C-alpha cells in the first residue's frame, strides 16, 4: 500500500506524507519562480493569473489586518497556496493528501503558533507583547496560556479530521457505488479541500492579526 512506503536514511525514517509535502513545497516554489520570471506591463495569461491570485489573497488579508497586510502577506499566502495543493493532491491516483496525516497538520499548527508570537514580538517588542497576557488582570494569565495551546491543538485536529473523513467517505462511496458517481465525489472533494484550506488559513490570519493589533491597542492605552 502507498501509506506503507518509507525512505530510510540511517536513523531517519521518512514517510510518504513528508515526501509529498516536500514535493508540494518544491512545486509551489517552482510555480512562483516561473510566474515571475518575465513580468511585463501588459501581462500575459500566466502573469494575469498570478496577479489575480495575489490580489485575492491581499484583499482577504487587508480586510482582517489592514495595518499589517504587507508584513504577513508572504506567510499567509504561502500557507494558503500550500494547503490548497496539499488538500487537492489526494485526487491524483497513487497519492494521498499529506494533510490527512496528523503529524503534518500538527507541524502546520505549530508553525502558526510560533509565527503568532514572532510577528507580535517583532511588531511591538517583547515587553509590550507579553503585557497582554496580564490584561485586564494577572489572574487571567493561566487562561491565556491554556487558550494558546488549545487553539493550536484545535487547528491540527480540525484539518486532520476533516481531510481524513473526506477521503474515507470518498473511498467508501466508491466501494459501494463503484465508478458510477465519480463526478459528484470529485466535486465534493474539491469543494471541501478548498473550504478546509480557507478555514485553516483564515484562522491563522485572525490569530496573527489579533496578536499584533491587540498589542497595539494595549500600548496606546
Protein backbone atom coordinates (compact mmCIF):
# COMPACT_ATOMS: atom_id res chain seq x y z
CA UNK A 1 0.00 0.00 0.00
CA UNK A 2 1.12 3.60 -0.63
CA UNK A 3 0.92 4.56 3.04
CA UNK A 4 3.43 1.79 3.94
CA UNK A 5 6.18 3.32 1.79
CA UNK A 6 9.09 4.76 3.78
CA UNK A 7 12.55 6.01 2.92
CA UNK A 8 15.24 5.20 5.47
CA UNK A 9 18.32 7.41 5.75
CA UNK A 10 20.29 5.94 8.64
CA UNK A 11 18.29 6.53 11.83
CA UNK A 12 15.92 8.89 9.95
CA UNK A 13 12.72 7.35 8.58
CA UNK A 14 10.89 9.48 6.01
CA UNK A 15 7.27 8.61 5.27
CA UNK A 16 5.19 9.27 2.19
CA UNK A 17 3.45 12.26 3.79
CA UNK A 18 6.76 14.05 4.29
CA UNK A 19 7.91 13.23 0.77
CA UNK A 20 4.64 14.54 -0.64
CA UNK A 21 4.98 17.69 1.47
CA UNK A 22 8.49 18.32 0.13
CA UNK A 23 7.22 17.77 -3.39
CA UNK A 24 4.43 20.31 -2.87
CA UNK A 25 6.83 22.89 -1.45
CA UNK A 26 9.12 22.38 -4.43
CA UNK A 27 6.19 22.75 -6.82
CA UNK A 28 4.95 25.97 -5.15
CA UNK A 29 8.47 27.42 -5.28
CA UNK A 30 8.88 26.45 -8.93
CA UNK A 31 5.50 27.90 -9.90
CA UNK A 32 6.27 31.16 -8.10
CA UNK A 33 9.61 31.40 -9.89
CA UNK A 34 8.20 30.61 -13.32
CA UNK A 35 5.28 33.04 -12.95
CA UNK A 36 7.59 35.95 -12.04
CA UNK A 37 10.43 35.35 -14.50
CA UNK A 38 9.17 37.62 -17.28
CA UNK A 39 6.98 40.31 -15.74
CA UNK A 40 5.59 42.83 -18.20
CA UNK A 41 3.49 45.98 -18.12
CA UNK A 42 0.97 44.25 -20.36
CA UNK A 43 0.59 40.89 -18.60
CA UNK A 44 0.10 37.62 -20.35
CA UNK A 45 -2.10 34.75 -19.21
CA UNK A 46 0.32 33.39 -16.61
CA UNK A 47 1.09 36.80 -15.14
CA UNK A 48 -2.60 37.74 -15.09
CA UNK A 49 -3.45 34.54 -13.23
CA UNK A 50 -0.64 35.08 -10.73
CA UNK A 51 -1.64 38.69 -10.17
CA UNK A 52 -5.26 37.65 -9.67
CA UNK A 53 -4.29 35.09 -7.02
CA UNK A 54 -2.04 37.57 -5.21
CA UNK A 55 -4.69 40.31 -5.35
CA UNK A 56 -7.37 37.98 -3.97
CA UNK A 57 -5.17 36.90 -1.07
CA UNK A 58 -4.11 40.50 -0.43
CA UNK A 59 -7.75 41.63 -0.21
CA UNK A 60 -8.54 38.88 2.30
CA UNK A 61 -5.55 39.80 4.44
CA UNK A 62 -6.20 43.53 4.26
CA UNK A 63 -9.80 43.02 5.38
CA UNK A 64 -8.59 41.37 8.60
CA UNK A 65 -5.28 43.15 9.23
CA UNK A 66 -5.24 46.39 7.23
CA UNK A 67 -2.22 47.86 9.03
CA UNK A 68 -0.06 44.74 8.81
CA UNK A 69 -1.11 43.22 5.49
CA UNK A 70 2.22 43.69 3.72
CA UNK A 71 4.10 42.28 6.70
CA UNK A 72 2.21 39.00 6.99
CA UNK A 73 1.31 38.57 3.31
CA UNK A 74 4.22 36.23 2.43
CA UNK A 75 3.47 33.84 5.29
CA UNK A 76 -0.31 33.67 4.87
CA UNK A 77 -0.14 33.49 1.07
CA UNK A 78 2.40 30.65 1.21
CA UNK A 79 0.29 28.83 3.79
CA UNK A 80 -2.88 29.14 1.71
CA UNK A 81 -1.23 28.02 -1.52
CA UNK A 82 0.41 25.06 0.18
CA UNK A 83 -2.84 23.95 1.83
CA UNK A 84 -4.86 24.18 -1.38
CA UNK A 85 -2.40 21.99 -3.27
CA UNK A 86 -1.88 19.63 -0.32
CA UNK A 87 -5.62 19.11 0.11
CA UNK A 88 -6.17 18.50 -3.60
CA UNK A 89 -3.19 16.24 -4.24
CA UNK A 90 -5.22 13.29 -2.98
CA UNK A 91 -7.14 13.40 -6.26
CA UNK A 92 -4.01 12.16 -8.07
CA UNK A 93 -4.03 8.35 -8.33
CA UNK A 94 -1.38 6.79 -6.13
CA UNK A 95 -1.09 9.80 -3.80
CA UNK A 96 -2.92 10.97 -0.73
CA UNK A 97 -3.22 14.38 0.86
CA UNK A 98 -0.46 14.94 3.42
CA UNK A 99 -2.97 16.93 5.46
CA UNK A 100 -4.75 13.69 6.32
CA UNK A 101 -1.66 12.88 8.37
CA UNK A 102 -1.83 14.26 11.93
CA UNK A 103 1.94 14.82 12.02
CA UNK A 104 1.70 17.18 9.04
CA UNK A 105 -1.26 19.17 10.37
CA UNK A 106 0.42 19.34 13.78
CA UNK A 107 3.56 20.76 12.17
CA UNK A 108 1.48 23.39 10.37
CA UNK A 109 -0.35 24.30 13.58
CA UNK A 110 2.95 24.61 15.48
CA UNK A 111 4.28 26.82 12.67
CA UNK A 112 1.27 29.10 13.10
CA UNK A 113 1.76 29.06 16.89
CA UNK A 114 5.35 30.31 16.69
CA UNK A 115 4.53 32.75 13.87
CA UNK A 116 1.89 34.46 16.01
CA UNK A 117 4.43 35.17 18.74
CA UNK A 118 7.17 36.05 16.25
CA UNK A 119 5.11 38.69 14.47
CA UNK A 120 3.70 40.02 17.74
CA UNK A 121 7.15 40.46 19.31
CA UNK A 122 8.64 41.80 16.09
CA UNK A 123 5.91 44.42 15.77
CA UNK A 124 5.82 45.86 19.29
CA UNK A 125 8.69 44.39 21.23
CA UNK A 126 8.84 41.64 23.82
CA UNK A 127 7.63 43.72 26.78
CA UNK A 128 4.56 45.17 25.07
CA UNK A 129 3.70 41.83 23.52
CA UNK A 130 3.81 39.90 26.78
CA UNK A 131 1.80 42.58 28.57
CA UNK A 132 -1.50 41.41 27.09
CA UNK A 133 -1.22 38.08 28.93
CA UNK A 134 -1.70 40.10 32.14
CA UNK A 135 -4.56 42.19 30.73
CA UNK A 136 -7.08 43.03 32.09
CA UNK A 137 -5.94 41.10 35.18
CA UNK A 138 -2.93 38.88 36.01
CA UNK A 139 -5.44 36.30 37.23
CA UNK A 140 -6.24 35.54 33.59
CA UNK A 141 -2.64 34.52 32.78
CA UNK A 142 -3.29 30.74 33.08
CA UNK A 143 -6.36 31.03 30.85
CA UNK A 144 -4.41 32.96 28.19
CA UNK A 145 -1.70 30.30 28.21
CA UNK A 146 -4.21 27.45 28.01
CA UNK A 147 -6.01 29.12 25.10
CA UNK A 148 -2.75 29.39 23.15
CA UNK A 149 -2.24 25.63 23.32
CA UNK A 150 -5.87 24.59 22.87
CA UNK A 151 -6.36 26.63 19.69
CA UNK A 152 -3.13 25.20 18.28
CA UNK A 153 -4.36 21.69 19.05
CA UNK A 154 -7.74 22.51 17.50
CA UNK A 155 -6.07 23.75 14.31
CA UNK A 156 -4.18 20.49 13.88
CA UNK A 157 -7.07 18.17 14.71
CA UNK A 158 -9.69 20.07 12.69
CA UNK A 159 -7.77 19.89 9.41
CA UNK A 160 -6.62 16.31 10.01
CA UNK A 161 -10.10 15.08 10.94
CA UNK A 162 -11.86 16.74 8.04
CA UNK A 163 -9.38 15.58 5.40
CA UNK A 164 -9.22 12.05 6.79
CA UNK A 165 -13.01 11.74 6.94
CA UNK A 166 -13.34 13.21 3.44
CA UNK A 167 -11.01 10.66 1.87
CA UNK A 168 -12.56 7.80 3.84
CA UNK A 169 -16.06 8.84 2.76
CA UNK A 170 -14.97 9.05 -0.87
CA UNK A 171 -13.36 5.62 -0.67
CA UNK A 172 -16.45 4.03 0.91
CA UNK A 173 -18.75 5.55 -1.71
CA UNK A 174 -16.51 4.23 -4.49
CA UNK A 175 -16.51 0.78 -2.90
CA UNK A 176 -20.32 0.76 -2.73
CA UNK A 177 -21.20 2.51 -5.97
CA UNK A 178 -18.08 1.72 -7.97
CA UNK A 179 -17.33 4.40 -10.51
CA UNK A 180 -20.97 5.21 -11.22
CA UNK A 181 -20.77 8.51 -9.40
CA UNK A 182 -17.17 9.76 -9.70
CA UNK A 183 -18.01 13.35 -10.67
CA UNK A 184 -20.08 14.20 -7.55
CA UNK A 185 -17.37 12.65 -5.39
CA UNK A 186 -14.66 14.67 -7.10
CA UNK A 187 -16.67 17.87 -6.77
CA UNK A 188 -17.26 17.19 -3.09
CA UNK A 189 -13.56 16.54 -2.56
CA UNK A 190 -12.53 19.72 -4.38
CA UNK A 191 -15.03 21.94 -2.57
CA UNK A 192 -14.24 20.50 0.86
CA UNK A 193 -10.49 20.71 0.22
CA UNK A 194 -10.77 24.39 -0.71
CA UNK A 195 -13.02 25.13 2.27
CA UNK A 196 -10.64 23.46 4.73
CA UNK A 197 -7.65 25.30 3.28
CA UNK A 198 -9.53 28.59 3.56
CA UNK A 199 -10.59 27.94 7.16
CA UNK A 200 -7.11 26.98 8.33
CA UNK A 201 -5.50 29.97 6.60
CA UNK A 202 -8.19 32.38 7.83
CA UNK A 203 -7.84 31.19 11.43
CA UNK A 204 -4.07 31.64 11.18
CA UNK A 205 -4.64 35.14 9.79
CA UNK A 206 -7.05 36.01 12.60
CA UNK A 207 -4.60 34.78 15.23
CA UNK A 208 -1.79 36.84 13.71
CA UNK A 209 -3.94 39.96 13.40
CA UNK A 210 -5.25 39.56 16.94
CA UNK A 211 -1.75 39.21 18.36
CA UNK A 212 -0.46 42.28 16.52
CA UNK A 213 -3.45 44.60 16.68
CA UNK A 214 -4.48 43.90 20.27
CA UNK A 215 -0.98 44.68 21.43
CA UNK A 216 -1.12 47.95 19.56
CA UNK A 217 -4.31 48.90 21.39
CA UNK A 218 -2.77 47.99 24.73
CA UNK A 219 0.35 50.05 24.02
CA UNK A 220 -1.78 53.10 23.24
CA UNK A 221 -3.74 52.93 26.49
